[in-house]
Amino acid sequence: MMVDLVVRNARRQNAVVLDFHFKDGVLHLHPDVSLTVFQSGSDARGKGESLEPLQGRVLSLDEEEWIVVASGEEHLVRFDLAELFNLDRQTGYVAEFEVAGFGKSTLVLPATESPSALPR
């Protein structure tokens, strides 16, 4: 399940944002940046139980690091969510990405295979 995490700068000046990057199979997040993955559920927001990332795959940066996003530009990080969390192709998920000062984005990830499509 490929995911793009993006911060777009629509301002007329450069924006300084909290760092997040993907390197060597690990998602590194500034302490004030979060990625939370839930199984699809029946609560009012469609979320169920939250998932823990695979060990060593989502790490908080030791130092507060910042990046500059130029006016009209974006900072994009692309990765396969299945490399970071133990996901089942028959289950849907909700991913929430939040950068302090920029708000929260929610992505609904439907199941990629129905039970009938799997080999028996």
PDB file of N, CA and C in Angstrom:
ATOM      1  N   MET A   1       0.839  -1.166   0.000  1.00  0.00           N
ATOM      2  CA  MET A   1       0.000   0.000   0.000  1.00  0.00           C
ATOM      3  C   MET A   1       0.890   1.236   0.000  1.00  0.00           C
ATOM      4  N   MET A   2       1.126   1.760  -1.179  1.00  0.00           N
ATOM      5  CA  MET A   2       1.982   2.943  -1.296  1.00  0.00           C
ATOM      6  C   MET A   2       1.272   4.174  -0.747  1.00  0.00           C
ATOM      7  N   VAL A   3       2.029   4.974  -0.001  1.00  0.00           N
ATOM      8  CA  VAL A   3       1.506   6.173   0.634  1.00  0.00           C
ATOM      9  C   VAL A   3       2.458   7.330   0.334  1.00  0.00           C
ATOM     10  N   ASP A   4       1.880   8.498   0.059  1.00  0.00           N
ATOM     11  CA  ASP A   4       2.653   9.731  -0.076  1.00  0.00           C
ATOM     12  C   ASP A   4       2.297  10.637   1.090  1.00  0.00           C
ATOM     13  N   LEU A   5       3.305  11.054   1.855  1.00  0.00           N
ATOM     14  CA  LEU A   5       3.117  12.065   2.890  1.00  0.00           C
ATOM     15  C   LEU A   5       3.659  13.367   2.310  1.00  0.00           C
ATOM     16  N   VAL A   6       2.819  14.394   2.282  1.00  0.00           N
ATOM     17  CA  VAL A   6       3.178  15.632   1.595  1.00  0.00           C
ATOM     18  C   VAL A   6       2.848  16.834   2.464  1.00  0.00           C
ATOM     19  N   VAL A   7       3.782  17.774   2.521  1.00  0.00           N
ATOM     20  CA  VAL A   7       3.505  19.103   3.062  1.00  0.00           C
ATOM     21  C   VAL A   7       3.696  20.064   1.901  1.00  0.00           C
ATOM     22  N   ARG A   8       2.615  20.758   1.521  1.00  0.00           N
ATOM     23  CA  ARG A   8       2.664  21.744   0.441  1.00  0.00           C
ATOM     24  C   ARG A   8       2.698  23.148   1.046  1.00  0.00           C
ATOM     25  N   ASN A   9       3.533  23.990   0.468  1.00  0.00           N
ATOM     26  CA  ASN A   9       3.639  25.368   0.938  1.00  0.00           C
ATOM     27  C   ASN A   9       2.945  26.284  -0.062  1.00  0.00           C
ATOM     28  N   ALA A  10       1.744  26.722   0.270  1.00  0.00           N
ATOM     29  CA  ALA A  10       0.992  27.627  -0.600  1.00  0.00           C
ATOM     30  C   ALA A  10       1.258  29.097  -0.245  1.00  0.00           C
ATOM     31  N   ARG A  11       2.123  29.326   0.708  1.00  0.00           N
ATOM     32  CA  ARG A  11       2.429  30.695   1.136  1.00  0.00           C
ATOM     33  C   ARG A  11       3.346  31.378   0.122  1.00  0.00           C
ATOM     34  N   ARG A  12       3.485  32.673   0.272  1.00  0.00           N
ATOM     35  CA  ARG A  12       4.354  33.455  -0.629  1.00  0.00           C
ATOM     36  C   ARG A  12       5.807  33.491  -0.146  1.00  0.00           C
ATOM     37  N   GLN A  13       6.070  32.928   1.013  1.00  0.00           N
ATOM     38  CA  GLN A  13       7.432  32.878   1.528  1.00  0.00           C
ATOM     39  C   GLN A  13       7.762  31.433   1.897  1.00  0.00           C
ATOM     40  N   ASN A  14       9.037  31.190   2.129  1.00  0.00           N
ATOM     41  CA  ASN A  14       9.468  29.861   2.534  1.00  0.00           C
ATOM     42  C   ASN A  14       8.801  29.475   3.847  1.00  0.00           C
ATOM     43  N   ALA A  15       8.556  28.177   4.013  1.00  0.00           N
ATOM     44  CA  ALA A  15       7.994  27.652   5.257  1.00  0.00           C
ATOM     45  C   ALA A  15       9.018  26.718   5.890  1.00  0.00           C
ATOM     46  N   VAL A  16       9.186  26.833   7.180  1.00  0.00           N
ATOM     47  CA  VAL A  16      10.048  25.929   7.929  1.00  0.00           C
ATOM     48  C   VAL A  16       9.130  24.942   8.624  1.00  0.00           C
ATOM     49  N   VAL A  17       9.313  23.647   8.317  1.00  0.00           N
ATOM     50  CA  VAL A  17       8.429  22.615   8.867  1.00  0.00           C
ATOM     51  C   VAL A  17       9.251  21.543   9.580  1.00  0.00           C
ATOM     52  N   LEU A  18       8.565  20.791  10.398  1.00  0.00           N
ATOM     53  CA  LEU A  18       9.188  19.707  11.145  1.00  0.00           C
ATOM     54  C   LEU A  18       9.599  18.602  10.187  1.00  0.00           C
ATOM     55  N   ASP A  19      10.755  18.012  10.423  1.00  0.00           N
ATOM     56  CA  ASP A  19      11.313  17.030   9.498  1.00  0.00           C
ATOM     57  C   ASP A  19      10.613  15.678   9.590  1.00  0.00           C
ATOM     58  N   PHE A  20      10.468  15.033   8.437  1.00  0.00           N
ATOM     59  CA  PHE A  20      10.095  13.625   8.331  1.00  0.00           C
ATOM     60  C   PHE A  20      10.710  13.124   7.041  1.00  0.00           C
ATOM     61  N   HIS A  21      11.290  11.924   7.100  1.00  0.00           N
ATOM     62  CA  HIS A  21      11.891  11.347   5.905  1.00  0.00           C
ATOM     63  C   HIS A  21      11.929   9.825   6.015  1.00  0.00           C
ATOM     64  N   PHE A  22      12.046   9.169   4.866  1.00  0.00           N
ATOM     65  CA  PHE A  22      12.090   7.713   4.777  1.00  0.00           C
ATOM     66  C   PHE A  22      13.455   7.338   4.216  1.00  0.00           C
ATOM     67  N   LYS A  23      14.190   6.514   4.961  1.00  0.00           N
ATOM     68  CA  LYS A  23      15.537   6.131   4.542  1.00  0.00           C
ATOM     69  C   LYS A  23      15.819   4.706   4.993  1.00  0.00           C
ATOM     70  N   ASP A  24      16.304   3.886   4.072  1.00  0.00           N
ATOM     71  CA  ASP A  24      16.697   2.508   4.372  1.00  0.00           C
ATOM     72  C   ASP A  24      15.583   1.714   5.051  1.00  0.00           C
ATOM     73  N   GLY A  25      14.346   1.897   4.572  1.00  0.00           N
ATOM     74  CA  GLY A  25      13.217   1.135   5.090  1.00  0.00           C
ATOM     75  C   GLY A  25      12.663   1.615   6.416  1.00  0.00           C
ATOM     76  N   VAL A  26      13.112   2.795   6.869  1.00  0.00           N
ATOM     77  CA  VAL A  26      12.674   3.331   8.160  1.00  0.00           C
ATOM     78  C   VAL A  26      12.087   4.724   7.949  1.00  0.00           C
ATOM     79  N   LEU A  27      10.925   4.964   8.553  1.00  0.00           N
ATOM     80  CA  LEU A  27      10.317   6.293   8.545  1.00  0.00           C
ATOM     81  C   LEU A  27      10.797   7.032   9.780  1.00  0.00           C
ATOM     82  N   HIS A  28      11.476   8.156   9.571  1.00  0.00           N
ATOM     83  CA  HIS A  28      11.997   8.986  10.658  1.00  0.00           C
ATOM     84  C   HIS A  28      11.091  10.199  10.797  1.00  0.00           C
ATOM     85  N   LEU A  29      10.598  10.433  12.008  1.00  0.00           N
ATOM     86  CA  LEU A  29       9.658  11.521  12.257  1.00  0.00           C
ATOM     87  C   LEU A  29      10.159  12.446  13.359  1.00  0.00           C
ATOM     88  N   HIS A  30      10.022  13.739  13.136  1.00  0.00           N
ATOM     89  CA  HIS A  30      10.249  14.728  14.188  1.00  0.00           C
ATOM     90  C   HIS A  30       9.307  14.371  15.338  1.00  0.00           C
ATOM     91  N   PRO A  31       9.664  14.633  16.583  1.00  0.00           N
ATOM     92  CA  PRO A  31       8.780  14.290  17.706  1.00  0.00           C
ATOM     93  C   PRO A  31       7.371  14.884  17.608  1.00  0.00           C
ATOM     94  N   ASP A  32       7.195  15.981  16.862  1.00  0.00           N
ATOM     95  CA  ASP A  32       5.870  16.591  16.718  1.00  0.00           C
ATOM     96  C   ASP A  32       5.193  16.225  15.398  1.00  0.00           C
ATOM     97  N   VAL A  33       5.674  15.163  14.756  1.00  0.00           N
ATOM     98  CA  VAL A  33       5.049  14.613  13.548  1.00  0.00           C
ATOM     99  C   VAL A  33       4.609  13.201  13.892  1.00  0.00           C
ATOM    100  N   SER A  34       3.398  12.839  13.486  1.00  0.00           N
ATOM    101  CA  SER A  34       2.924  11.488  13.822  1.00  0.00           C
ATOM    102  C   SER A  34       2.251  10.820  12.634  1.00  0.00           C
ATOM    103  N   LEU A  35       2.369   9.512  12.601  1.00  0.00           N
ATOM    104  CA  LEU A  35       1.647   8.662  11.661  1.00  0.00           C
ATOM    105  C   LEU A  35       0.994   7.567  12.497  1.00  0.00           C
ATOM    106  N   THR A  36      -0.331   7.519  12.459  1.00  0.00           N
ATOM    107  CA  THR A  36      -1.079   6.514  13.206  1.00  0.00           C
ATOM    108  C   THR A  36      -1.920   5.727  12.221  1.00  0.00           C
ATOM    109  N   VAL A  37      -1.877   4.406  12.332  1.00  0.00           N
ATOM    110  CA  VAL A  37      -2.645   3.532  11.439  1.00  0.00           C
ATOM    111  C   VAL A  37      -3.651   2.749  12.277  1.00  0.00           C
ATOM    112  N   PHE A  38      -4.890   2.738  11.812  1.00  0.00           N
ATOM    113  CA  PHE A  38      -5.980   2.031  12.469  1.00  0.00           C
ATOM    114  C   PHE A  38      -6.555   1.002  11.510  1.00  0.00           C
ATOM    115  N   GLN A  39      -7.046  -0.112  12.047  1.00  0.00           N
ATOM    116  CA  GLN A  39      -7.881  -0.994  11.243  1.00  0.00           C
ATOM    117  C   GLN A  39      -9.184  -0.261  11.003  1.00  0.00           C
ATOM    118  N   SER A  40      -9.787  -0.469   9.830  1.00  0.00           N
ATOM    119  CA  SER A  40     -11.112   0.121   9.603  1.00  0.00           C
ATOM    120  C   SER A  40     -12.043  -0.418  10.662  1.00  0.00           C
ATOM    121  N   GLY A  41     -12.904   0.451  11.171  1.00  0.00           N
ATOM    122  CA  GLY A  41     -13.770   0.041  12.264  1.00  0.00           C
ATOM    123  C   GLY A  41     -15.133   0.660  12.158  1.00  0.00           C
ATOM    124  N   SER A  42     -15.852   0.535  13.238  1.00  0.00           N
ATOM    125  CA  SER A  42     -17.247   0.967  13.225  1.00  0.00           C
ATOM    126  C   SER A  42     -17.480   2.229  14.043  1.00  0.00           C
ATOM    127  N   ASP A  43     -16.417   2.918  14.482  1.00  0.00           N
ATOM    128  CA  ASP A  43     -16.677   4.152  15.212  1.00  0.00           C
ATOM    129  C   ASP A  43     -17.120   5.240  14.224  1.00  0.00           C
ATOM    130  N   ALA A  44     -17.460   6.383  14.731  1.00  0.00           N
ATOM    131  CA  ALA A  44     -18.026   7.446  13.897  1.00  0.00           C
ATOM    132  C   ALA A  44     -17.067   7.909  12.800  1.00  0.00           C
ATOM    133  N   ARG A  45     -15.771   7.714  13.002  1.00  0.00           N
ATOM    134  CA  ARG A  45     -14.786   8.138  12.007  1.00  0.00           C
ATOM    135  C   ARG A  45     -14.273   6.968  11.179  1.00  0.00           C
ATOM    136  N   GLY A  46     -14.879   5.788  11.341  1.00  0.00           N
ATOM    137  CA  GLY A  46     -14.469   4.620  10.566  1.00  0.00           C
ATOM    138  C   GLY A  46     -13.193   3.972  11.053  1.00  0.00           C
ATOM    139  N   LYS A  47     -12.818   4.275  12.303  1.00  0.00           N
ATOM    140  CA  LYS A  47     -11.568   3.745  12.831  1.00  0.00           C
ATOM    141  C   LYS A  47     -11.830   2.675  13.880  1.00  0.00           C
ATOM    142  N   GLY A  48     -10.968   1.686  13.892  1.00  0.00           N
ATOM    143  CA  GLY A  48     -10.996   0.645  14.905  1.00  0.00           C
ATOM    144  C   GLY A  48      -9.712   0.707  15.707  1.00  0.00           C
ATOM    145  N   GLU A  49      -9.171  -0.458  16.012  1.00  0.00           N
ATOM    146  CA  GLU A  49      -7.967  -0.567  16.827  1.00  0.00           C
ATOM    147  C   GLU A  49      -6.752   0.023  16.114  1.00  0.00           C
ATOM    148  N   SER A  50      -5.912   0.756  16.865  1.00  0.00           N
ATOM    149  CA  SER A  50      -4.682   1.287  16.267  1.00  0.00           C
ATOM    150  C   SER A  50      -3.618   0.196  16.232  1.00  0.00           C
ATOM    151  N   LEU A  51      -2.733   0.289  15.253  1.00  0.00           N
ATOM    152  CA  LEU A  51      -1.676  -0.696  15.063  1.00  0.00           C
ATOM    153  C   LEU A  51      -0.338  -0.132  15.523  1.00  0.00           C
ATOM    154  N   GLU A  52       0.468  -0.983  16.076  1.00  0.00           N
ATOM    155  CA  GLU A  52       1.837  -0.612  16.416  1.00  0.00           C
ATOM    156  C   GLU A  52       2.706  -0.842  15.179  1.00  0.00           C
ATOM    157  N   PRO A  53       3.643   0.045  14.907  1.00  0.00           N
ATOM    158  CA  PRO A  53       4.547  -0.208  13.774  1.00  0.00           C
ATOM    159  C   PRO A  53       5.450  -1.405  14.053  1.00  0.00           C
ATOM    160  N   LEU A  54       5.951  -2.008  12.996  1.00  0.00           N
ATOM    161  CA  LEU A  54       6.928  -3.076  13.143  1.00  0.00           C
ATOM    162  C   LEU A  54       8.149  -2.508  13.865  1.00  0.00           C
ATOM    163  N   GLN A  55       8.789  -3.331  14.654  1.00  0.00           N
ATOM    164  CA  GLN A  55       9.905  -2.874  15.469  1.00  0.00           C
ATOM    165  C   GLN A  55      10.997  -2.234  14.612  1.00  0.00           C
ATOM    166  N   GLY A  56      11.393  -1.028  14.991  1.00  0.00           N
ATOM    167  CA  GLY A  56      12.478  -0.328  14.321  1.00  0.00           C
ATOM    168  C   GLY A  56      12.124   0.289  12.984  1.00  0.00           C
ATOM    169  N   ARG A  57      10.845   0.295  12.608  1.00  0.00           N
ATOM    170  CA  ARG A  57      10.453   0.805  11.283  1.00  0.00           C
ATOM    171  C   ARG A  57       9.932   2.236  11.294  1.00  0.00           C
ATOM    172  N   VAL A  58       9.454   2.732  12.435  1.00  0.00           N
ATOM    173  CA  VAL A  58       9.025   4.125  12.571  1.00  0.00           C
ATOM    174  C   VAL A  58       9.740   4.666  13.805  1.00  0.00           C
ATOM    175  N   LEU A  59      10.649   5.599  13.580  1.00  0.00           N
ATOM    176  CA  LEU A  59      11.475   6.106  14.671  1.00  0.00           C
ATOM    177  C   LEU A  59      11.326   7.609  14.823  1.00  0.00           C
ATOM    178  N   SER A  60      11.406   8.056  16.055  1.00  0.00           N
ATOM    179  CA  SER A  60      11.408   9.476  16.345  1.00  0.00           C
ATOM    180  C   SER A  60      12.842   9.979  16.209  1.00  0.00           C
ATOM    181  N   LEU A  61      13.004  11.112  15.558  1.00  0.00           N
ATOM    182  CA  LEU A  61      14.329  11.705  15.439  1.00  0.00           C
ATOM    183  C   LEU A  61      14.831  12.113  16.816  1.00  0.00           C
ATOM    184  N   ASP A  62      16.117  11.902  17.071  1.00  0.00           N
ATOM    185  CA  ASP A  62      16.696  12.237  18.369  1.00  0.00           C
ATOM    186  C   ASP A  62      16.740  13.735  18.603  1.00  0.00           C
ATOM    187  N   GLU A  63      16.945  14.476  17.534  1.00  0.00           N
ATOM    188  CA  GLU A  63      17.048  15.919  17.643  1.00  0.00           C
ATOM    189  C   GLU A  63      15.899  16.553  16.877  1.00  0.00           C
ATOM    190  N   GLU A  64      15.552  17.752  17.285  1.00  0.00           N
ATOM    191  CA  GLU A  64      14.527  18.465  16.541  1.00  0.00           C
ATOM    192  C   GLU A  64      15.156  18.976  15.256  1.00  0.00           C
ATOM    193  N   GLU A  65      14.749  18.379  14.150  1.00  0.00           N
ATOM    194  CA  GLU A  65      15.270  18.775  12.855  1.00  0.00           C
ATOM    195  C   GLU A  65      14.154  19.438  12.061  1.00  0.00           C
ATOM    196  N   TRP A  66      14.553  20.378  11.220  1.00  0.00           N
ATOM    197  CA  TRP A  66      13.607  21.171  10.449  1.00  0.00           C
ATOM    198  C   TRP A  66      14.002  21.124   8.981  1.00  0.00           C
ATOM    199  N   ILE A  67      13.042  21.332   8.120  1.00  0.00           N
ATOM    200  CA  ILE A  67      13.310  21.438   6.695  1.00  0.00           C
ATOM    201  C   ILE A  67      12.647  22.716   6.189  1.00  0.00           C
ATOM    202  N   VAL A  68      13.175  23.243   5.107  1.00  0.00           N
ATOM    203  CA  VAL A  68      12.604  24.439   4.498  1.00  0.00           C
ATOM    204  C   VAL A  68      11.889  24.009   3.220  1.00  0.00           C
ATOM    205  N   VAL A  69      10.622  24.415   3.100  1.00  0.00           N
ATOM    206  CA  VAL A  69       9.845  24.159   1.896  1.00  0.00           C
ATOM    207  C   VAL A  69       9.622  25.517   1.232  1.00  0.00           C
ATOM    208  N   ALA A  70      10.171  25.668   0.039  1.00  0.00           N
ATOM    209  CA  ALA A  70      10.088  26.947  -0.670  1.00  0.00           C
ATOM    210  C   ALA A  70       8.644  27.266  -1.049  1.00  0.00           C
ATOM    211  N   SER A  71       8.380  28.532  -1.267  1.00  0.00           N
ATOM    212  CA  SER A  71       7.055  28.982  -1.678  1.00  0.00           C
ATOM    213  C   SER A  71       6.603  28.230  -2.927  1.00  0.00           C
ATOM    214  N   GLY A  72       5.388  27.677  -2.882  1.00  0.00           N
ATOM    215  CA  GLY A  72       4.838  26.948  -4.024  1.00  0.00           C
ATOM    216  C   GLY A  72       5.386  25.541  -4.202  1.00  0.00           C
ATOM    217  N   GLU A  73       6.257  25.100  -3.325  1.00  0.00           N
ATOM    218  CA  GLU A  73       6.863  23.768  -3.424  1.00  0.00           C
ATOM    219  C   GLU A  73       6.250  22.826  -2.398  1.00  0.00           C
ATOM    220  N   GLU A  74       6.740  21.582  -2.405  1.00  0.00           N
ATOM    221  CA  GLU A  74       6.261  20.586  -1.453  1.00  0.00           C
ATOM    222  C   GLU A  74       7.394  19.691  -1.003  1.00  0.00           C
ATOM    223  N   HIS A  75       7.208  19.101   0.165  1.00  0.00           N
ATOM    224  CA  HIS A  75       8.118  18.072   0.691  1.00  0.00           C
ATOM    225  C   HIS A  75       7.331  16.776   0.659  1.00  0.00           C
ATOM    226  N   LEU A  76       7.812  15.805  -0.111  1.00  0.00           N
ATOM    227  CA  LEU A  76       7.088  14.558  -0.313  1.00  0.00           C
ATOM    228  C   LEU A  76       7.935  13.380   0.145  1.00  0.00           C
ATOM    229  N   VAL A  77       7.305  12.464   0.857  1.00  0.00           N
ATOM    230  CA  VAL A  77       7.947  11.212   1.264  1.00  0.00           C
ATOM    231  C   VAL A  77       7.018  10.083   0.815  1.00  0.00           C
ATOM    232  N   ARG A  78       7.544   9.140   0.030  1.00  0.00           N
ATOM    233  CA  ARG A  78       6.755   8.021  -0.485  1.00  0.00           C
ATOM    234  C   ARG A  78       7.325   6.710   0.067  1.00  0.00           C
ATOM    235  N   PHE A  79       6.419   5.837   0.531  1.00  0.00           N
ATOM    236  CA  PHE A  79       6.847   4.541   1.058  1.00  0.00           C
ATOM    237  C   PHE A  79       5.676   3.571   1.005  1.00  0.00           C
ATOM    238  N   ASP A  80       6.001   2.295   1.204  1.00  0.00           N
ATOM    239  CA  ASP A  80       4.981   1.240   1.267  1.00  0.00           C
ATOM    240  C   ASP A  80       4.613   1.050   2.738  1.00  0.00           C
ATOM    241  N   LEU A  81       3.369   1.353   3.072  1.00  0.00           N
ATOM    242  CA  LEU A  81       2.912   1.239   4.459  1.00  0.00           C
ATOM    243  C   LEU A  81       3.086  -0.175   4.996  1.00  0.00           C
ATOM    244  N   ALA A  82       3.022  -1.171   4.117  1.00  0.00           N
ATOM    245  CA  ALA A  82       3.179  -2.567   4.538  1.00  0.00           C
ATOM    246  C   ALA A  82       4.614  -2.871   4.987  1.00  0.00           C
ATOM    247  N   GLU A  83       5.567  -2.001   4.660  1.00  0.00           N
ATOM    248  CA  GLU A  83       6.937  -2.180   5.156  1.00  0.00           C
ATOM    249  C   GLU A  83       7.067  -1.713   6.607  1.00  0.00           C
ATOM    250  N   LEU A  84       6.095  -0.901   7.055  1.00  0.00           N
ATOM    251  CA  LEU A  84       6.178  -0.307   8.386  1.00  0.00           C
ATOM    252  C   LEU A  84       5.225  -0.929   9.396  1.00  0.00           C
ATOM    253  N   PHE A  85       4.118  -1.485   8.891  1.00  0.00           N
ATOM    254  CA  PHE A  85       3.082  -2.066   9.745  1.00  0.00           C
ATOM    255  C   PHE A  85       2.717  -3.437   9.205  1.00  0.00           C
ATOM    256  N   ASN A  86       2.308  -4.329  10.088  1.00  0.00           N
ATOM    257  CA  ASN A  86       1.871  -5.662   9.680  1.00  0.00           C
ATOM    258  C   ASN A  86       0.429  -5.552   9.171  1.00  0.00           C
ATOM    259  N   LEU A  87       0.277  -5.448   7.856  1.00  0.00           N
ATOM    260  CA  LEU A  87      -1.032  -5.239   7.252  1.00  0.00           C
ATOM    261  C   LEU A  87      -1.526  -6.509   6.577  1.00  0.00           C
ATOM    262  N   ASP A  88      -2.821  -6.677   6.593  1.00  0.00           N
ATOM    263  CA  ASP A  88      -3.497  -7.809   5.967  1.00  0.00           C
ATOM    264  C   ASP A  88      -4.223  -7.275   4.738  1.00  0.00           C
ATOM    265  N   ARG A  89      -4.016  -7.887   3.584  1.00  0.00           N
ATOM    266  CA  ARG A  89      -4.624  -7.403   2.344  1.00  0.00           C
ATOM    267  C   ARG A  89      -6.145  -7.514   2.339  1.00  0.00           C
ATOM    268  N   GLN A  90      -6.711  -8.278   3.260  1.00  0.00           N
ATOM    269  CA  GLN A  90      -8.168  -8.422   3.333  1.00  0.00           C
ATOM    270  C   GLN A  90      -8.815  -7.412   4.278  1.00  0.00           C
ATOM    271  N   THR A  91      -7.994  -6.562   4.895  1.00  0.00           N
ATOM    272  CA  THR A  91      -8.489  -5.608   5.882  1.00  0.00           C
ATOM    273  C   THR A  91      -8.286  -4.189   5.360  1.00  0.00           C
ATOM    274  N   GLY A  92      -9.235  -3.318   5.628  1.00  0.00           N
ATOM    275  CA  GLY A  92      -9.088  -1.904   5.302  1.00  0.00           C
ATOM    276  C   GLY A  92      -8.437  -1.171   6.470  1.00  0.00           C
ATOM    277  N   TYR A  93      -7.838  -0.040   6.170  1.00  0.00           N
ATOM    278  CA  TYR A  93      -7.124   0.726   7.191  1.00  0.00           C
ATOM    279  C   TYR A  93      -7.412   2.217   7.030  1.00  0.00           C
ATOM    280  N   VAL A  94      -7.189   2.954   8.105  1.00  0.00           N
ATOM    281  CA  VAL A  94      -7.256   4.403   8.109  1.00  0.00           C
ATOM    282  C   VAL A  94      -5.907   4.883   8.633  1.00  0.00           C
ATOM    283  N   ALA A  95      -5.237   5.739   7.858  1.00  0.00           N
ATOM    284  CA  ALA A  95      -3.950   6.287   8.282  1.00  0.00           C
ATOM    285  C   ALA A  95      -4.116   7.776   8.539  1.00  0.00           C
ATOM    286  N   GLU A  96      -3.589   8.234   9.663  1.00  0.00           N
ATOM    287  CA  GLU A  96      -3.623   9.654  10.000  1.00  0.00           C
ATOM    288  C   GLU A  96      -2.197  10.179  10.120  1.00  0.00           C
ATOM    289  N   PHE A  97      -1.927  11.233   9.387  1.00  0.00           N
ATOM    290  CA  PHE A  97      -0.617  11.875   9.384  1.00  0.00           C
ATOM    291  C   PHE A  97      -0.811  13.298   9.899  1.00  0.00           C
ATOM    292  N   GLU A  98      -0.022  13.659  10.916  1.00  0.00           N
ATOM    293  CA  GLU A  98      -0.181  14.995  11.501  1.00  0.00           C
ATOM    294  C   GLU A  98       1.176  15.661  11.680  1.00  0.00           C
ATOM    295  N   VAL A  99       1.256  16.899  11.211  1.00  0.00           N
ATOM    296  CA  VAL A  99       2.434  17.734  11.404  1.00  0.00           C
ATOM    297  C   VAL A  99       1.976  18.930  12.227  1.00  0.00           C
ATOM    298  N   ALA A 100       2.574  19.102  13.402  1.00  0.00           N
ATOM    299  CA  ALA A 100       2.181  20.202  14.277  1.00  0.00           C
ATOM    300  C   ALA A 100       2.249  21.522  13.509  1.00  0.00           C
ATOM    301  N   GLY A 101       1.193  22.299  13.595  1.00  0.00           N
ATOM    302  CA  GLY A 101       1.130  23.576  12.903  1.00  0.00           C
ATOM    303  C   GLY A 101       0.539  23.499  11.513  1.00  0.00           C
ATOM    304  N   PHE A 102       0.410  22.287  10.967  1.00  0.00           N
ATOM    305  CA  PHE A 102      -0.150  22.116   9.628  1.00  0.00           C
ATOM    306  C   PHE A 102      -1.437  21.304   9.650  1.00  0.00           C
ATOM    307  N   GLY A 103      -1.777  20.705  10.771  1.00  0.00           N
ATOM    308  CA  GLY A 103      -3.010  19.944  10.866  1.00  0.00           C
ATOM    309  C   GLY A 103      -2.827  18.468  10.552  1.00  0.00           C
ATOM    310  N   LYS A 104      -3.969  17.799  10.397  1.00  0.00           N
ATOM    311  CA  LYS A 104      -4.009  16.348  10.235  1.00  0.00           C
ATOM    312  C   LYS A 104      -4.617  15.983   8.886  1.00  0.00           C
ATOM    313  N   SER A 105      -4.045  14.960   8.252  1.00  0.00           N
ATOM    314  CA  SER A 105      -4.604  14.386   7.031  1.00  0.00           C
ATOM    315  C   SER A 105      -5.000  12.955   7.321  1.00  0.00           C
ATOM    316  N   THR A 106      -6.134  12.556   6.778  1.00  0.00           N
ATOM    317  CA  THR A 106      -6.612  11.187   6.961  1.00  0.00           C
ATOM    318  C   THR A 106      -6.733  10.523   5.600  1.00  0.00           C
ATOM    319  N   LEU A 107      -6.222   9.303   5.509  1.00  0.00           N
ATOM    320  CA  LEU A 107      -6.265   8.528   4.281  1.00  0.00           C
ATOM    321  C   LEU A 107      -6.968   7.210   4.567  1.00  0.00           C
ATOM    322  N   VAL A 108      -8.012   6.910   3.802  1.00  0.00           N
ATOM    323  CA  VAL A 108      -8.730   5.651   3.946  1.00  0.00           C
ATOM    324  C   VAL A 108      -8.148   4.678   2.921  1.00  0.00           C
ATOM    325  N   LEU A 109      -7.679   3.533   3.409  1.00  0.00           N
ATOM    326  CA  LEU A 109      -7.052   2.517   2.562  1.00  0.00           C
ATOM    327  C   LEU A 109      -7.936   1.283   2.560  1.00  0.00           C
ATOM    328  N   PRO A 110      -8.681   1.048   1.477  1.00  0.00           N
ATOM    329  CA  PRO A 110      -9.554  -0.125   1.437  1.00  0.00           C
ATOM    330  C   PRO A 110      -8.746  -1.419   1.342  1.00  0.00           C
ATOM    331  N   ALA A 111      -9.399  -2.519   1.660  1.00  0.00           N
ATOM    332  CA  ALA A 111      -8.759  -3.823   1.483  1.00  0.00           C
ATOM    333  C   ALA A 111      -8.336  -3.975   0.030  1.00  0.00           C
ATOM    334  N   THR A 112      -7.183  -4.577  -0.207  1.00  0.00           N
ATOM    335  CA  THR A 112      -6.704  -4.718  -1.581  1.00  0.00           C
ATOM    336  C   THR A 112      -7.129  -6.037  -2.203  1.00  0.00           C
ATOM    337  N   GLU A 113      -7.575  -6.971  -1.387  1.00  0.00           N
ATOM    338  CA  GLU A 113      -8.057  -8.257  -1.899  1.00  0.00           C
ATOM    339  C   GLU A 113      -9.263  -8.691  -1.087  1.00  0.00           C
ATOM    340  N   SER A 114     -10.234  -9.243  -1.774  1.00  0.00           N
ATOM    341  CA  SER A 114     -11.368  -9.816  -1.061  1.00  0.00           C
ATOM    342  C   SER A 114     -11.027 -11.263  -0.712  1.00  0.00           C
ATOM    343  N   PRO A 115     -11.654 -11.824   0.309  1.00  0.00           N
ATOM    344  CA  PRO A 115     -11.354 -13.214   0.686  1.00  0.00           C
ATOM    345  C   PRO A 115     -11.535 -14.188  -0.469  1.00  0.00           C
ATOM    346  N   SER A 116     -12.472 -13.913  -1.363  1.00  0.00           N
ATOM    347  CA  SER A 116     -12.716 -14.834  -2.478  1.00  0.00           C
ATOM    348  C   SER A 116     -11.598 -14.778  -3.522  1.00  0.00           C
ATOM    349  N   ALA A 117     -10.793 -13.702  -3.517  1.00  0.00           N
ATOM    350  CA  ALA A 117      -9.713 -13.567  -4.506  1.00  0.00           C
ATOM    351  C   ALA A 117      -8.446 -14.292  -4.092  1.00  0.00           C
ATOM    352  N   LEU A 118      -8.372 -14.711  -2.850  1.00  0.00           N
ATOM    353  CA  LEU A 118      -7.166 -15.363  -2.368  1.00  0.00           C
ATOM    354  C   LEU A 118      -7.161 -16.846  -2.724  1.00  0.00           C
ATOM    355  N   PRO A 119      -5.992 -17.401  -3.019  1.00  0.00           N
ATOM    356  CA  PRO A 119      -5.920 -18.831  -3.313  1.00  0.00           C
ATOM    357  C   PRO A 119      -6.352 -19.665  -2.107  1.00  0.00           C
ATOM    358  N   ARG A 120      -6.962 -20.791  -2.392  1.00  0.00           N
ATOM    359  CA  ARG A 120      -7.416 -21.672  -1.297  1.00  0.00           C
ATOM    360  C   ARG A 120      -6.501 -22.852  -1.168  1.00  0.00           C
TER     361      ARG A 120
END
